[in-house]
Amino acid sequence: MTSTTKCRRTILSIAVVAALTGVAACGSSDSGKGGGGGDPLAALRLADKSTDDADSVKIESTGDMGDLMSIKADGEVD
């Protein structure tokens, strides 16, 4: 495995973990009321498994902090 491939996989893993950690941390506030939810670790495992053989990844992310701030990110890691 070349250093470029290692770098790509490392960046991909970091991006997936960051995106899914944000989803888990900022998920539905109704999760304690019988709402959806689900296991955030299962989601991370699924993302890791499904992107393990990928050579690149597309990243889309949004975040809101009430009326204070919102952020949107789109990109691709090769």
C-alpha atoms as a PDB file:
ATOM      1  CA  MET A   1       0.000   0.000   0.000  1.00  0.00           C
ATOM      2  CA  THR A   2       1.479   3.351  -1.007  1.00  0.00           C
ATOM      3  CA  SER A   3       1.664   6.359   1.276  1.00  0.00           C
ATOM      4  CA  THR A   4      -0.891   8.135  -0.933  1.00  0.00           C
ATOM      5  CA  THR A   5      -3.386   5.312  -0.410  1.00  0.00           C
ATOM      6  CA  LYS A   6      -2.759   5.357   3.346  1.00  0.00           C
ATOM      7  CA  CYS A   7      -3.270   9.114   3.388  1.00  0.00           C
ATOM      8  CA  ARG A   8      -6.519   8.817   1.440  1.00  0.00           C
ATOM      9  CA  ARG A   9      -7.862   6.119   3.741  1.00  0.00           C
ATOM     10  CA  THR A  10      -6.868   8.090   6.820  1.00  0.00           C
ATOM     11  CA  ILE A  11      -8.575  11.244   5.553  1.00  0.00           C
ATOM     12  CA  LEU A  12     -11.624   9.216   4.532  1.00  0.00           C
ATOM     13  CA  SER A  13     -11.850   7.602   7.960  1.00  0.00           C
ATOM     14  CA  ILE A  14     -11.489  10.935   9.732  1.00  0.00           C
ATOM     15  CA  ALA A  15     -14.126  12.537   7.519  1.00  0.00           C
ATOM     16  CA  VAL A  16     -16.602   9.696   8.058  1.00  0.00           C
ATOM     17  CA  VAL A  17     -16.059   9.660  11.808  1.00  0.00           C
ATOM     18  CA  ALA A  18     -16.391  13.448  12.026  1.00  0.00           C
ATOM     19  CA  ALA A  19     -19.567  13.483   9.953  1.00  0.00           C
ATOM     20  CA  LEU A  20     -21.224  10.638  11.819  1.00  0.00           C
ATOM     21  CA  THR A  21     -20.111  11.923  15.229  1.00  0.00           C
ATOM     22  CA  GLY A  22     -21.783  15.222  14.373  1.00  0.00           C
ATOM     23  CA  VAL A  23     -24.953  13.388  13.380  1.00  0.00           C
ATOM     24  CA  ALA A  24     -24.908  11.365  16.598  1.00  0.00           C
ATOM     25  CA  ALA A  25     -24.202  14.419  18.763  1.00  0.00           C
ATOM     26  CA  CYS A  26     -26.687  16.701  17.041  1.00  0.00           C
ATOM     27  CA  GLY A  27     -29.321  14.079  16.283  1.00  0.00           C
ATOM     28  CA  SER A  28     -32.980  14.242  17.065  1.00  0.00           C
ATOM     29  CA  SER A  29     -33.858  15.805  20.409  1.00  0.00           C
ATOM     30  CA  ASP A  30     -36.884  13.475  20.567  1.00  0.00           C
ATOM     31  CA  SER A  31     -34.769  10.323  20.924  1.00  0.00           C
ATOM     32  CA  GLY A  32     -35.708   9.975  24.592  1.00  0.00           C
ATOM     33  CA  LYS A  33     -39.410  10.080  23.753  1.00  0.00           C
ATOM     34  CA  GLY A  34     -39.601   6.833  21.834  1.00  0.00           C
ATOM     35  CA  GLY A  35     -38.445   8.493  18.613  1.00  0.00           C
ATOM     36  CA  GLY A  36     -36.058   7.028  16.051  1.00  0.00           C
ATOM     37  CA  GLY A  37     -32.524   7.203  17.297  1.00  0.00           C
ATOM     38  CA  GLY A  38     -30.643   4.011  16.624  1.00  0.00           C
ATOM     39  CA  ASP A  39     -27.144   2.998  17.573  1.00  0.00           C
ATOM     40  CA  PRO A  40     -24.557   5.625  16.527  1.00  0.00           C
ATOM     41  CA  LEU A  41     -21.752   3.038  16.743  1.00  0.00           C
ATOM     42  CA  ALA A  42     -23.633   0.771  14.361  1.00  0.00           C
ATOM     43  CA  ALA A  43     -23.845   3.689  11.940  1.00  0.00           C
ATOM     44  CA  LEU A  44     -20.084   4.232  12.226  1.00  0.00           C
ATOM     45  CA  ARG A  45     -19.404   0.536  11.623  1.00  0.00           C
ATOM     46  CA  LEU A  46     -21.686   0.516   8.588  1.00  0.00           C
ATOM     47  CA  ALA A  47     -19.994   3.601   7.130  1.00  0.00           C
ATOM     48  CA  ASP A  48     -16.555   2.103   7.737  1.00  0.00           C
ATOM     49  CA  LYS A  49     -17.539  -1.161   6.070  1.00  0.00           C
ATOM     50  CA  SER A  50     -19.214   0.479   3.071  1.00  0.00           C
ATOM     51  CA  THR A  51     -16.322   2.879   2.408  1.00  0.00           C
ATOM     52  CA  ASP A  52     -13.464   0.469   3.113  1.00  0.00           C
ATOM     53  CA  ASP A  53     -12.743  -0.241  -0.567  1.00  0.00           C
ATOM     54  CA  ALA A  54     -13.496   3.251  -1.862  1.00  0.00           C
ATOM     55  CA  ASP A  55     -10.780   5.281  -3.582  1.00  0.00           C
ATOM     56  CA  SER A  56     -12.554   8.567  -2.907  1.00  0.00           C
ATOM     57  CA  VAL A  57     -15.408   9.945  -0.874  1.00  0.00           C
ATOM     58  CA  LYS A  58     -17.948  12.711  -1.304  1.00  0.00           C
ATOM     59  CA  ILE A  59     -18.653  14.718   1.832  1.00  0.00           C
ATOM     60  CA  GLU A  60     -21.831  16.695   2.479  1.00  0.00           C
ATOM     61  CA  SER A  61     -22.478  18.229   5.866  1.00  0.00           C
ATOM     62  CA  THR A  62     -24.802  20.792   7.410  1.00  0.00           C
ATOM     63  CA  GLY A  63     -25.073  22.117  10.921  1.00  0.00           C
ATOM     64  CA  ASP A  64     -27.247  24.629  12.740  1.00  0.00           C
ATOM     65  CA  MET A  65     -26.915  26.285  16.115  1.00  0.00           C
ATOM     66  CA  GLY A  66     -30.354  27.828  16.407  1.00  0.00           C
ATOM     67  CA  ASP A  67     -30.438  31.357  15.023  1.00  0.00           C
ATOM     68  CA  LEU A  68     -26.777  31.917  15.905  1.00  0.00           C
ATOM     69  CA  MET A  69     -25.014  30.046  13.151  1.00  0.00           C
ATOM     70  CA  SER A  70     -25.403  27.553  10.327  1.00  0.00           C
ATOM     71  CA  ILE A  71     -22.764  25.836   8.226  1.00  0.00           C
ATOM     72  CA  LYS A  72     -22.813  23.823   5.015  1.00  0.00           C
ATOM     73  CA  ALA A  73     -19.897  21.873   3.558  1.00  0.00           C
ATOM     74  CA  ASP A  74     -19.610  19.978   0.285  1.00  0.00           C
ATOM     75  CA  GLY A  75     -16.476  18.344  -0.984  1.00  0.00           C
ATOM     76  CA  GLU A  76     -14.627  15.311  -2.237  1.00  0.00           C
ATOM     77  CA  VAL A  77     -11.540  13.544  -0.976  1.00  0.00           C
ATOM     78  CA  ASP A  78      -9.552  11.526  -3.520  1.00  0.00           C
END
